[in-house]
Amino acid sequence: MLKRFSTKTRLVIVTTLIAAFLLPWAITASAFDKINTTFWGVAIKGYDTVAYHTEGRAVKGNSEFSHTWNDAKWYFVSKENLELFVQDPERYSPQYGGH
């Protein structure tokens, strides 16, 4: 069937079929990535998300005060910030997964 088409046309057809086959997996995989994390699974690059709300600035968290939520590790500057997050993570987590 492909013998009727030029080499360029065959290449376009094959590329389109491959893309159509792979696209659903790419979309599905990105839909499951709820939180933007580092390679090691740390949310928002290790910054304390509660501090954004309480101090109004970015403060690097400490792994000593960490919590796992939504398949991501969250770091905080203090036990108090950690406890605030645990009580209401939806309030303190970034919108759109931090993207």
Foldseek 3Di string as FASTA:
>chain_A
DCVVDDPVVVVVVVVVVVCVVCVVVVVVVVVLLQADADPVQAGPDQWQLLCCVVVVDTDHFDQVLWDDDSSGIHGHNDVVSSVVCVVPVVVRQDPSNND
